[in-house]
Amino acid sequence: MKHVIALDVGGTGMKAALVGADGELLHQARRPTGRERGPDAVVEGILGFAAELRAHGIRAHGEPASAAGVAVPGIVDEAEGVAAYAANLGWRDVPLRALLSERLGGVPVALGHDVRTGGLAEGRIGAGRGADRFLFVPLGTGIAGAIGIDGKVEAGAHGFAGEIGHIVVRPGGAECPCGQRGCLERFASASAVSRAWAEASGDPDADAADCAKAVASGDERAVRVWQEAVDALADGLVTALTLLDPRTLIIGGGLAEAGETLFTPLREAVRRRVTFQKLPSLVPAALGDTAGCLGAGLLAWDLLEAAGPSVETTDPSEVTT
């Protein structure tokens, strides 16, 4: 059975799958990334995991994977197949595409940025399915974005497209590790809400999920913290939709798990801010933490489709979860 390898590499864990031509998840596995052992060990761990997946495919399906897709964090040169930099993994200029292709017997390999790869899956088969233009914004430790156009995700001229978390929404505000002050992710990420609620509540262990629960119960301090984050997020999103005019705006990540505690005030805050702009549909992400792995599978099938009619594949939009 023809299939591909899909790998999603995170700061602490790796998710992987073998994906059939009809989008079926034939096999799934998870492993720790092992970043405490250093960047070289992380790379070797990725290569070894991929080799194990290849071997499983041969045993279970009678042939090796036809291609592989891998999503990684940090700065990614997708065209050259190089993982340029990832602070949480400690690597620089790793030729990951070439290393994986060699380990997997020379099959084609696609390398993608984790957020853009997750956005690809959300746009094609998740919350943005059917939308010709979408913006995917996960709210986690930081805030990034994926700009979707006609089934593809735009990387930009230098691989930095979609970095909405570094739109300045509060000039002169909190310093950001990027070097600016007042960046969106310093006010509206899950980690930013956690910091603000820990300070407001006096509980150093309190986090964004605790804040959301307190908001739902009517705690006035929590409501203030939450609304400040929502207002900052709305400011950033309106800037983005003014530039990009997406049909669908998909919000994911840990903060989105608050459900309507987030989406009801956020939709209203965005609505109040628009003037001439058209309001996009503002919806929660649908694929959760599987988005990166599913997107990596889509990247791999795209490679095979691009190779020409000699390769039998299914339209990647037909992938199902």
C-alpha atoms as a PDB file:
ATOM      1  CA  MET A   1       0.000   0.000   0.000  1.00  0.00           C
ATOM      2  CA  LYS A   2       1.422   3.358  -1.028  1.00  0.00           C
ATOM      3  CA  HIS A   3       1.950   5.679   1.935  1.00  0.00           C
ATOM      4  CA  VAL A   4       4.065   8.565   3.245  1.00  0.00           C
ATOM      5  CA  ILE A   5       5.782   9.394   6.526  1.00  0.00           C
ATOM      6  CA  ALA A   6       4.584  12.457   8.445  1.00  0.00           C
ATOM      7  CA  LEU A   7       6.616  13.913  11.337  1.00  0.00           C
ATOM      8  CA  ASP A   8       5.838  16.859  13.597  1.00  0.00           C
ATOM      9  CA  VAL A   9       8.817  17.836  15.770  1.00  0.00           C
ATOM     10  CA  GLY A  10       8.077  19.931  18.847  1.00  0.00           C
ATOM     11  CA  GLY A  11      10.149  21.301  21.675  1.00  0.00           C
ATOM     12  CA  THR A  12       9.389  18.368  23.956  1.00  0.00           C
ATOM     13  CA  GLY A  13       7.749  15.703  21.805  1.00  0.00           C
ATOM     14  CA  MET A  14       7.475  14.308  18.281  1.00  0.00           C
ATOM     15  CA  LYS A  15       4.256  13.092  16.671  1.00  0.00           C
ATOM     16  CA  ALA A  16       4.379  10.849  13.621  1.00  0.00           C
ATOM     17  CA  ALA A  17       2.119   8.941  11.280  1.00  0.00           C
ATOM     18  CA  LEU A  18       2.061   6.822   8.166  1.00  0.00           C
ATOM     19  CA  VAL A  19      -0.554   8.334   5.858  1.00  0.00           C
ATOM     20  CA  GLY A  20      -2.228   6.500   2.995  1.00  0.00           C
ATOM     21  CA  ALA A  21      -3.100   7.963  -0.394  1.00  0.00           C
ATOM     22  CA  ASP A  22      -6.712   8.376   0.690  1.00  0.00           C
ATOM     23  CA  GLY A  23      -5.651  10.275   3.793  1.00  0.00           C
ATOM     24  CA  GLU A  24      -6.094   7.349   6.159  1.00  0.00           C
ATOM     25  CA  LEU A  25      -3.804   7.362   9.189  1.00  0.00           C
ATOM     26  CA  LEU A  26      -2.322   3.891   8.892  1.00  0.00           C
ATOM     27  CA  HIS A  27      -0.076   4.122  11.951  1.00  0.00           C
ATOM     28  CA  GLN A  28       0.575   6.737  14.643  1.00  0.00           C
ATOM     29  CA  ALA A  29       3.389   7.091  17.170  1.00  0.00           C
ATOM     30  CA  ARG A  30       4.879   9.603  19.601  1.00  0.00           C
ATOM     31  CA  ARG A  31       8.339  10.042  21.065  1.00  0.00           C
ATOM     32  CA  PRO A  32      10.076  12.607  23.295  1.00  0.00           C
ATOM     33  CA  THR A  33      12.260  15.018  21.339  1.00  0.00           C
ATOM     34  CA  GLY A  34      15.060  14.642  23.879  1.00  0.00           C
ATOM     35  CA  ARG A  35      16.329  18.218  23.667  1.00  0.00           C
ATOM     36  CA  GLU A  36      18.063  17.820  27.039  1.00  0.00           C
ATOM     37  CA  ARG A  37      20.628  15.637  25.229  1.00  0.00           C
ATOM     38  CA  GLY A  38      21.639  18.437  22.874  1.00  0.00           C
ATOM     39  CA  PRO A  39      20.926  19.396  19.248  1.00  0.00           C
ATOM     40  CA  ASP A  40      22.954  16.603  17.637  1.00  0.00           C
ATOM     41  CA  ALA A  41      21.058  14.002  19.642  1.00  0.00           C
ATOM     42  CA  VAL A  42      17.754  15.630  18.659  1.00  0.00           C
ATOM     43  CA  VAL A  43      18.629  15.356  14.971  1.00  0.00           C
ATOM     44  CA  GLU A  44      19.707  11.739  15.358  1.00  0.00           C
ATOM     45  CA  GLY A  45      16.493  11.036  17.237  1.00  0.00           C
ATOM     46  CA  ILE A  46      14.437  12.435  14.342  1.00  0.00           C
ATOM     47  CA  LEU A  47      16.366  10.373  11.806  1.00  0.00           C
ATOM     48  CA  GLY A  48      16.060   7.228  13.899  1.00  0.00           C
ATOM     49  CA  PHE A  49      12.327   7.733  14.428  1.00  0.00           C
ATOM     50  CA  ALA A  50      11.840   8.204  10.675  1.00  0.00           C
ATOM     51  CA  ALA A  51      13.810   5.025   9.969  1.00  0.00           C
ATOM     52  CA  GLU A  52      11.633   3.076  12.392  1.00  0.00           C
ATOM     53  CA  LEU A  53       8.525   4.385  10.639  1.00  0.00           C
ATOM     54  CA  ARG A  54       9.942   3.316   7.285  1.00  0.00           C
ATOM     55  CA  ALA A  55      10.632  -0.172   8.639  1.00  0.00           C
ATOM     56  CA  HIS A  56       7.102  -0.403  10.059  1.00  0.00           C
ATOM     57  CA  GLY A  57       5.683   0.581   6.674  1.00  0.00           C
ATOM     58  CA  ILE A  58       7.601  -2.210   4.946  1.00  0.00           C
ATOM     59  CA  ARG A  59       6.445  -4.782   7.508  1.00  0.00           C
ATOM     60  CA  ALA A  60       2.820  -3.666   7.624  1.00  0.00           C
ATOM     61  CA  HIS A  61       2.165  -2.519   4.066  1.00  0.00           C
ATOM     62  CA  GLY A  62       4.649  -4.352   1.901  1.00  0.00           C
ATOM     63  CA  GLU A  63       6.667  -1.370   0.693  1.00  0.00           C
ATOM     64  CA  PRO A  64       8.610   1.608   2.069  1.00  0.00           C
ATOM     65  CA  ALA A  65       7.128   5.092   2.284  1.00  0.00           C
ATOM     66  CA  SER A  66       7.092   6.936  -1.044  1.00  0.00           C
ATOM     67  CA  ALA A  67       7.930  10.319   0.522  1.00  0.00           C
ATOM     68  CA  ALA A  68       8.137  12.082   3.870  1.00  0.00           C
ATOM     69  CA  GLY A  69       7.074  15.409   5.309  1.00  0.00           C
ATOM     70  CA  VAL A  70       8.464  16.934   8.486  1.00  0.00           C
ATOM     71  CA  ALA A  71       7.392  20.028  10.404  1.00  0.00           C
ATOM     72  CA  VAL A  72       9.889  21.740  12.717  1.00  0.00           C
ATOM     73  CA  PRO A  73       9.855  24.886  14.876  1.00  0.00           C
ATOM     74  CA  GLY A  74      11.990  27.998  14.514  1.00  0.00           C
ATOM     75  CA  ILE A  75      13.356  29.503  11.337  1.00  0.00           C
ATOM     76  CA  VAL A  76      12.998  27.177   8.356  1.00  0.00           C
ATOM     77  CA  ASP A  77      14.372  27.555   4.836  1.00  0.00           C
ATOM     78  CA  GLU A  78      11.780  25.410   3.113  1.00  0.00           C
ATOM     79  CA  ALA A  79      13.224  25.905  -0.364  1.00  0.00           C
ATOM     80  CA  GLU A  80      16.672  24.635   0.669  1.00  0.00           C
ATOM     81  CA  GLY A  81      15.370  22.090   3.156  1.00  0.00           C
ATOM     82  CA  VAL A  82      17.354  23.571   6.042  1.00  0.00           C
ATOM     83  CA  ALA A  83      16.262  23.938   9.666  1.00  0.00           C
ATOM     84  CA  ALA A  84      18.048  27.258  10.105  1.00  0.00           C
ATOM     85  CA  TYR A  85      17.493  27.983  13.791  1.00  0.00           C
ATOM     86  CA  ALA A  86      15.358  26.820  16.715  1.00  0.00           C
ATOM     87  CA  ALA A  87      16.024  28.299  20.136  1.00  0.00           C
ATOM     88  CA  ASN A  88      14.170  25.533  21.989  1.00  0.00           C
ATOM     89  CA  LEU A  89      16.080  22.766  20.178  1.00  0.00           C
ATOM     90  CA  GLY A  90      19.466  24.482  20.021  1.00  0.00           C
ATOM     91  CA  TRP A  91      20.174  23.749  16.366  1.00  0.00           C
ATOM     92  CA  ARG A  92      21.500  25.928  13.560  1.00  0.00           C
ATOM     93  CA  ASP A  93      21.631  25.280   9.798  1.00  0.00           C
ATOM     94  CA  VAL A  94      20.704  21.611   9.907  1.00  0.00           C
ATOM     95  CA  PRO A  95      20.240  20.178   6.358  1.00  0.00           C
ATOM     96  CA  LEU A  96      17.369  18.109   7.622  1.00  0.00           C
ATOM     97  CA  ARG A  97      15.765  17.383   4.262  1.00  0.00           C
ATOM     98  CA  ALA A  98      18.959  15.863   2.859  1.00  0.00           C
ATOM     99  CA  LEU A  99      19.681  13.925   6.053  1.00  0.00           C
ATOM    100  CA  LEU A 100      16.191  12.456   6.144  1.00  0.00           C
ATOM    101  CA  SER A 101      16.177  11.577   2.459  1.00  0.00           C
ATOM    102  CA  GLU A 102      19.467   9.734   2.885  1.00  0.00           C
ATOM    103  CA  ARG A 103      18.201   7.835   5.943  1.00  0.00           C
ATOM    104  CA  LEU A 104      14.969   6.927   4.134  1.00  0.00           C
ATOM    105  CA  GLY A 105      16.553   5.437   1.043  1.00  0.00           C
ATOM    106  CA  GLY A 106      16.527   8.529  -1.159  1.00  0.00           C
ATOM    107  CA  VAL A 107      12.791   9.271  -1.160  1.00  0.00           C
ATOM    108  CA  PRO A 108      11.694  12.912  -1.563  1.00  0.00           C
ATOM    109  CA  VAL A 109      11.313  14.848   1.681  1.00  0.00           C
ATOM    110  CA  ALA A 110       9.450  18.103   2.352  1.00  0.00           C
ATOM    111  CA  LEU A 111      10.514  20.331   5.255  1.00  0.00           C
ATOM    112  CA  GLY A 112       8.041  22.824   6.686  1.00  0.00           C
ATOM    113  CA  HIS A 113       7.659  25.354   9.491  1.00  0.00           C
ATOM    114  CA  ASP A 114       5.503  23.908  12.265  1.00  0.00           C
ATOM    115  CA  VAL A 115       2.884  26.672  12.347  1.00  0.00           C
ATOM    116  CA  ARG A 116       2.640  26.963   8.572  1.00  0.00           C
ATOM    117  CA  THR A 117       2.375  23.189   8.281  1.00  0.00           C
ATOM    118  CA  GLY A 118      -0.369  23.075  10.897  1.00  0.00           C
ATOM    119  CA  GLY A 119      -2.074  25.931   9.104  1.00  0.00           C
ATOM    120  CA  LEU A 120      -1.927  24.000   5.852  1.00  0.00           C
ATOM    121  CA  ALA A 121      -3.850  21.152   7.478  1.00  0.00           C
ATOM    122  CA  GLU A 122      -6.387  23.466   9.132  1.00  0.00           C
ATOM    123  CA  GLY A 123      -6.934  25.286   5.838  1.00  0.00           C
ATOM    124  CA  ARG A 124      -7.368  22.226   3.642  1.00  0.00           C
ATOM    125  CA  ILE A 125      -9.034  19.676   5.893  1.00  0.00           C
ATOM    126  CA  GLY A 126      -9.829  21.480   9.146  1.00  0.00           C
ATOM    127  CA  ALA A 127     -11.678  24.635  10.145  1.00  0.00           C
ATOM    128  CA  GLY A 128     -10.766  26.480   6.936  1.00  0.00           C
ATOM    129  CA  ARG A 129     -11.766  23.749   4.509  1.00  0.00           C
ATOM    130  CA  GLY A 130     -13.250  25.316   1.385  1.00  0.00           C
ATOM    131  CA  ALA A 131     -11.918  28.822   2.106  1.00  0.00           C
ATOM    132  CA  ASP A 132      -9.751  30.299  -0.650  1.00  0.00           C
ATOM    133  CA  ARG A 133      -8.088  32.713   1.782  1.00  0.00           C
ATOM    134  CA  PHE A 134      -7.538  32.018   5.476  1.00  0.00           C
ATOM    135  CA  LEU A 135      -5.356  33.084   8.384  1.00  0.00           C
ATOM    136  CA  PHE A 136      -4.466  30.533  11.065  1.00  0.00           C
ATOM    137  CA  VAL A 137      -3.310  31.985  14.399  1.00  0.00           C
ATOM    138  CA  PRO A 138      -2.350  29.600  17.236  1.00  0.00           C
ATOM    139  CA  LEU A 139      -2.166  31.192  20.690  1.00  0.00           C
ATOM    140  CA  GLY A 140       0.404  29.266  22.676  1.00  0.00           C
ATOM    141  CA  THR A 141       3.699  30.125  24.358  1.00  0.00           C
ATOM    142  CA  GLY A 142       3.975  32.750  21.635  1.00  0.00           C
ATOM    143  CA  ILE A 143       1.803  33.748  18.700  1.00  0.00           C
ATOM    144  CA  ALA A 144       2.525  32.965  15.072  1.00  0.00           C
ATOM    145  CA  GLY A 145       0.392  32.704  11.956  1.00  0.00           C
ATOM    146  CA  ALA A 146      -0.098  30.914   8.663  1.00  0.00           C
ATOM    147  CA  ILE A 147      -1.382  32.754   5.605  1.00  0.00           C
ATOM    148  CA  GLY A 148      -3.384  30.431   3.367  1.00  0.00           C
ATOM    149  CA  ILE A 149      -3.971  31.177  -0.310  1.00  0.00           C
ATOM    150  CA  ASP A 150      -5.743  28.709  -2.607  1.00  0.00           C
ATOM    151  CA  GLY A 151      -4.709  25.601  -0.691  1.00  0.00           C
ATOM    152  CA  LYS A 152      -1.102  26.683  -0.090  1.00  0.00           C
ATOM    153  CA  VAL A 153       0.553  28.525   2.788  1.00  0.00           C
ATOM    154  CA  GLU A 154       2.680  31.568   2.014  1.00  0.00           C
ATOM    155  CA  ALA A 155       6.199  31.427   3.479  1.00  0.00           C
ATOM    156  CA  GLY A 156       7.296  34.882   2.307  1.00  0.00           C
ATOM    157  CA  ALA A 157      10.475  35.942   0.553  1.00  0.00           C
ATOM    158  CA  HIS A 158      12.660  35.006   3.547  1.00  0.00           C
ATOM    159  CA  GLY A 159      10.498  32.496   5.415  1.00  0.00           C
ATOM    160  CA  PHE A 160       9.023  34.955   7.925  1.00  0.00           C
ATOM    161  CA  ALA A 161       5.487  35.432   6.584  1.00  0.00           C
ATOM    162  CA  GLY A 162       2.726  35.253   9.161  1.00  0.00           C
ATOM    163  CA  GLU A 163       4.651  36.398  12.253  1.00  0.00           C
ATOM    164  CA  ILE A 164       1.611  38.218  13.616  1.00  0.00           C
ATOM    165  CA  GLY A 165       2.865  37.836  17.183  1.00  0.00           C
ATOM    166  CA  HIS A 166       5.404  40.557  16.482  1.00  0.00           C
ATOM    167  CA  ILE A 167       2.951  43.182  15.311  1.00  0.00           C
ATOM    168  CA  VAL A 168       3.350  46.031  17.804  1.00  0.00           C
ATOM    169  CA  VAL A 169      -0.030  46.591  19.441  1.00  0.00           C
ATOM    170  CA  ARG A 170       1.108  48.520  22.532  1.00  0.00           C
ATOM    171  CA  PRO A 171       3.911  50.912  21.493  1.00  0.00           C
ATOM    172  CA  GLY A 172       6.483  51.295  24.259  1.00  0.00           C
ATOM    173  CA  GLY A 173       5.001  48.338  26.130  1.00  0.00           C
ATOM    174  CA  ALA A 174       6.624  45.198  27.478  1.00  0.00           C
ATOM    175  CA  GLU A 175       9.962  44.285  25.950  1.00  0.00           C
ATOM    176  CA  CYS A 176       9.871  41.306  23.605  1.00  0.00           C
ATOM    177  CA  PRO A 177      12.769  38.876  23.034  1.00  0.00           C
ATOM    178  CA  CYS A 178      12.626  39.889  19.365  1.00  0.00           C
ATOM    179  CA  GLY A 179      13.984  43.329  20.335  1.00  0.00           C
ATOM    180  CA  GLN A 180      10.789  45.345  19.973  1.00  0.00           C
ATOM    181  CA  ARG A 181       8.447  46.619  22.657  1.00  0.00           C
ATOM    182  CA  GLY A 182       4.713  46.039  22.798  1.00  0.00           C
ATOM    183  CA  CYS A 183       4.482  42.962  20.557  1.00  0.00           C
ATOM    184  CA  LEU A 184       1.140  41.169  20.413  1.00  0.00           C
ATOM    185  CA  GLU A 185       2.458  37.943  21.915  1.00  0.00           C
ATOM    186  CA  ARG A 186       3.564  39.805  25.060  1.00  0.00           C
ATOM    187  CA  PHE A 187      -0.113  40.537  25.793  1.00  0.00           C
ATOM    188  CA  ALA A 188      -2.320  37.898  24.165  1.00  0.00           C
ATOM    189  CA  SER A 189      -0.447  34.582  24.134  1.00  0.00           C
ATOM    190  CA  ALA A 190      -1.342  31.836  26.585  1.00  0.00           C
ATOM    191  CA  SER A 191       1.906  32.478  28.438  1.00  0.00           C
ATOM    192  CA  ALA A 192       1.172  36.228  28.633  1.00  0.00           C
ATOM    193  CA  VAL A 193      -2.274  35.597  30.115  1.00  0.00           C
ATOM    194  CA  SER A 194      -0.733  33.119  32.566  1.00  0.00           C
ATOM    195  CA  ARG A 195       1.784  35.721  33.738  1.00  0.00           C
ATOM    196  CA  ALA A 196      -0.850  38.432  34.087  1.00  0.00           C
ATOM    197  CA  TRP A 197      -3.275  36.202  35.986  1.00  0.00           C
ATOM    198  CA  ALA A 198      -0.583  34.842  38.301  1.00  0.00           C
ATOM    199  CA  GLU A 199       0.258  38.423  39.263  1.00  0.00           C
ATOM    200  CA  ALA A 200      -3.358  39.567  39.584  1.00  0.00           C
ATOM    201  CA  SER A 201      -4.464  36.541  41.580  1.00  0.00           C
ATOM    202  CA  GLY A 202      -1.385  36.346  43.758  1.00  0.00           C
ATOM    203  CA  ASP A 203      -0.969  32.673  42.855  1.00  0.00           C
ATOM    204  CA  PRO A 204       2.399  32.086  41.141  1.00  0.00           C
ATOM    205  CA  ASP A 205       1.168  28.720  39.825  1.00  0.00           C
ATOM    206  CA  ALA A 206      -1.979  30.093  38.169  1.00  0.00           C
ATOM    207  CA  ASP A 207      -2.151  29.845  34.387  1.00  0.00           C
ATOM    208  CA  ALA A 208      -4.328  30.924  31.457  1.00  0.00           C
ATOM    209  CA  ALA A 209      -6.699  27.974  31.922  1.00  0.00           C
ATOM    210  CA  ASP A 210      -7.248  29.038  35.535  1.00  0.00           C
ATOM    211  CA  CYS A 211      -7.909  32.582  34.351  1.00  0.00           C
ATOM    212  CA  ALA A 212     -10.518  31.355  31.850  1.00  0.00           C
ATOM    213  CA  LYS A 213     -12.287  29.404  34.610  1.00  0.00           C
ATOM    214  CA  ALA A 214     -12.265  32.477  36.849  1.00  0.00           C
ATOM    215  CA  VAL A 215     -13.704  34.570  34.008  1.00  0.00           C
ATOM    216  CA  ALA A 216     -16.516  32.051  33.557  1.00  0.00           C
ATOM    217  CA  SER A 217     -17.288  32.285  37.279  1.00  0.00           C
ATOM    218  CA  GLY A 218     -17.443  36.101  37.134  1.00  0.00           C
ATOM    219  CA  ASP A 219     -14.197  37.006  38.940  1.00  0.00           C
ATOM    220  CA  GLU A 220     -13.713  40.727  38.207  1.00  0.00           C
ATOM    221  CA  ARG A 221      -9.906  40.543  38.348  1.00  0.00           C
ATOM    222  CA  ALA A 222      -9.907  37.707  35.848  1.00  0.00           C
ATOM    223  CA  VAL A 223     -12.333  39.554  33.588  1.00  0.00           C
ATOM    224  CA  ARG A 224      -9.976  42.557  33.507  1.00  0.00           C
ATOM    225  CA  VAL A 225      -6.938  40.405  32.684  1.00  0.00           C
ATOM    226  CA  TRP A 226      -8.868  38.474  30.036  1.00  0.00           C
ATOM    227  CA  GLN A 227     -10.328  41.582  28.391  1.00  0.00           C
ATOM    228  CA  GLU A 228      -6.913  43.221  28.152  1.00  0.00           C
ATOM    229  CA  ALA A 229      -5.651  40.160  26.304  1.00  0.00           C
ATOM    230  CA  VAL A 230      -8.726  40.039  24.052  1.00  0.00           C
ATOM    231  CA  ASP A 231      -8.382  43.737  23.200  1.00  0.00           C
ATOM    232  CA  ALA A 232      -4.698  43.333  22.300  1.00  0.00           C
ATOM    233  CA  LEU A 233      -5.498  40.261  20.215  1.00  0.00           C
ATOM    234  CA  ALA A 234      -8.296  42.082  18.398  1.00  0.00           C
ATOM    235  CA  ASP A 235      -5.940  44.970  17.594  1.00  0.00           C
ATOM    236  CA  GLY A 236      -3.425  42.565  16.072  1.00  0.00           C
ATOM    237  CA  LEU A 237      -6.042  40.582  14.171  1.00  0.00           C
ATOM    238  CA  VAL A 238      -7.627  43.686  12.651  1.00  0.00           C
ATOM    239  CA  THR A 239      -4.203  44.803  11.427  1.00  0.00           C
ATOM    240  CA  ALA A 240      -3.743  41.378   9.856  1.00  0.00           C
ATOM    241  CA  LEU A 241      -7.160  41.212   8.241  1.00  0.00           C
ATOM    242  CA  THR A 242      -6.727  44.756   6.888  1.00  0.00           C
ATOM    243  CA  LEU A 243      -3.576  43.605   5.095  1.00  0.00           C
ATOM    244  CA  LEU A 244      -4.670  40.102   4.095  1.00  0.00           C
ATOM    245  CA  ASP A 245      -8.482  40.175   3.777  1.00  0.00           C
ATOM    246  CA  PRO A 246      -8.939  36.491   4.740  1.00  0.00           C
ATOM    247  CA  ARG A 247     -12.281  34.774   4.277  1.00  0.00           C
ATOM    248  CA  THR A 248     -11.763  32.692   7.410  1.00  0.00           C
ATOM    249  CA  LEU A 249      -9.799  33.507  10.568  1.00  0.00           C
ATOM    250  CA  ILE A 250      -8.875  30.343  12.491  1.00  0.00           C
ATOM    251  CA  ILE A 251      -7.769  30.650  16.122  1.00  0.00           C
ATOM    252  CA  GLY A 252      -6.011  27.698  17.743  1.00  0.00           C
ATOM    253  CA  GLY A 253      -3.497  26.909  20.450  1.00  0.00           C
ATOM    254  CA  GLY A 254      -3.924  26.567  24.180  1.00  0.00           C
ATOM    255  CA  LEU A 255      -5.849  29.797  24.695  1.00  0.00           C
ATOM    256  CA  ALA A 256      -8.508  28.720  22.181  1.00  0.00           C
ATOM    257  CA  GLU A 257      -9.343  25.789  24.441  1.00  0.00           C
ATOM    258  CA  ALA A 258     -11.325  28.304  26.520  1.00  0.00           C
ATOM    259  CA  GLY A 259     -14.002  28.077  23.832  1.00  0.00           C
ATOM    260  CA  GLU A 260     -16.670  30.754  23.871  1.00  0.00           C
ATOM    261  CA  THR A 261     -15.059  32.366  26.912  1.00  0.00           C
ATOM    262  CA  LEU A 262     -12.547  33.559  24.319  1.00  0.00           C
ATOM    263  CA  PHE A 263     -14.515  33.585  21.071  1.00  0.00           C
ATOM    264  CA  THR A 264     -17.586  35.540  22.184  1.00  0.00           C
ATOM    265  CA  PRO A 265     -15.690  38.632  23.424  1.00  0.00           C
ATOM    266  CA  LEU A 266     -13.081  38.299  20.650  1.00  0.00           C
ATOM    267  CA  ARG A 267     -15.661  38.339  17.856  1.00  0.00           C
ATOM    268  CA  GLU A 268     -17.259  41.410  19.429  1.00  0.00           C
ATOM    269  CA  ALA A 269     -13.896  43.179  19.881  1.00  0.00           C
ATOM    270  CA  VAL A 270     -12.946  42.556  16.251  1.00  0.00           C
ATOM    271  CA  ARG A 271     -16.391  43.671  15.053  1.00  0.00           C
ATOM    272  CA  ARG A 272     -16.069  46.972  16.948  1.00  0.00           C
ATOM    273  CA  ARG A 273     -12.714  47.709  15.336  1.00  0.00           C
ATOM    274  CA  VAL A 274     -13.464  47.144  11.678  1.00  0.00           C
ATOM    275  CA  THR A 275     -14.627  50.002   9.493  1.00  0.00           C
ATOM    276  CA  PHE A 276     -14.390  49.340   5.747  1.00  0.00           C
ATOM    277  CA  GLN A 277     -12.959  45.830   6.159  1.00  0.00           C
ATOM    278  CA  LYS A 278     -15.077  42.754   5.608  1.00  0.00           C
ATOM    279  CA  LEU A 279     -15.477  40.623   8.719  1.00  0.00           C
ATOM    280  CA  PRO A 280     -14.118  37.108   8.160  1.00  0.00           C
ATOM    281  CA  SER A 281     -15.594  34.058   9.804  1.00  0.00           C
ATOM    282  CA  LEU A 282     -13.767  33.767  13.144  1.00  0.00           C
ATOM    283  CA  VAL A 283     -13.679  30.104  14.144  1.00  0.00           C
ATOM    284  CA  PRO A 284     -11.795  27.745  16.463  1.00  0.00           C
ATOM    285  CA  ALA A 285      -9.204  25.375  15.010  1.00  0.00           C
ATOM    286  CA  ALA A 286     -10.545  21.873  14.403  1.00  0.00           C
ATOM    287  CA  LEU A 287      -7.520  19.562  14.397  1.00  0.00           C
ATOM    288  CA  GLY A 288      -5.908  20.231  17.770  1.00  0.00           C
ATOM    289  CA  ASP A 289      -2.377  18.926  18.260  1.00  0.00           C
ATOM    290  CA  THR A 290      -2.659  16.636  15.241  1.00  0.00           C
ATOM    291  CA  ALA A 291      -2.564  19.571  12.787  1.00  0.00           C
ATOM    292  CA  GLY A 292       1.227  19.619  12.384  1.00  0.00           C
ATOM    293  CA  CYS A 293       1.457  15.899  11.685  1.00  0.00           C
ATOM    294  CA  LEU A 294      -1.467  15.966   9.262  1.00  0.00           C
ATOM    295  CA  GLY A 295       0.069  18.958   7.510  1.00  0.00           C
ATOM    296  CA  ALA A 296       3.400  17.157   7.179  1.00  0.00           C
ATOM    297  CA  GLY A 297       1.552  14.325   5.461  1.00  0.00           C
ATOM    298  CA  LEU A 298      -0.022  16.804   3.065  1.00  0.00           C
ATOM    299  CA  LEU A 299       3.425  18.224   2.252  1.00  0.00           C
ATOM    300  CA  ALA A 300       4.671  14.740   1.427  1.00  0.00           C
ATOM    301  CA  TRP A 301       1.729  13.924  -0.844  1.00  0.00           C
ATOM    302  CA  ASP A 302       2.163  17.314  -2.526  1.00  0.00           C
ATOM    303  CA  LEU A 303       5.728  16.319  -3.414  1.00  0.00           C
ATOM    304  CA  LEU A 304       4.504  13.143  -5.062  1.00  0.00           C
ATOM    305  CA  GLU A 305       1.738  14.958  -6.894  1.00  0.00           C
ATOM    306  CA  ALA A 306       4.247  17.497  -8.210  1.00  0.00           C
ATOM    307  CA  ALA A 307       6.405  14.653  -9.514  1.00  0.00           C
ATOM    308  CA  GLY A 308       3.876  14.093 -12.277  1.00  0.00           C
ATOM    309  CA  PRO A 309       1.128  11.793 -13.482  1.00  0.00           C
ATOM    310  CA  SER A 310       3.252   8.674 -13.082  1.00  0.00           C
ATOM    311  CA  VAL A 311       2.646   8.890  -9.338  1.00  0.00           C
ATOM    312  CA  GLU A 312      -0.833   7.792  -8.292  1.00  0.00           C
ATOM    313  CA  THR A 313      -2.086  10.047  -5.525  1.00  0.00           C
ATOM    314  CA  THR A 314      -5.330  11.415  -4.202  1.00  0.00           C
ATOM    315  CA  ASP A 315      -6.143  15.105  -4.021  1.00  0.00           C
ATOM    316  CA  PRO A 316      -4.618  16.198  -0.656  1.00  0.00           C
ATOM    317  CA  SER A 317      -7.859  18.041   0.157  1.00  0.00           C
ATOM    318  CA  GLU A 318      -9.447  14.605   0.517  1.00  0.00           C
ATOM    319  CA  VAL A 319      -7.317  13.776   3.565  1.00  0.00           C
ATOM    320  CA  THR A 320      -9.518  12.944   6.537  1.00  0.00           C
ATOM    321  CA  THR A 321      -8.777  12.857  10.245  1.00  0.00           C
END
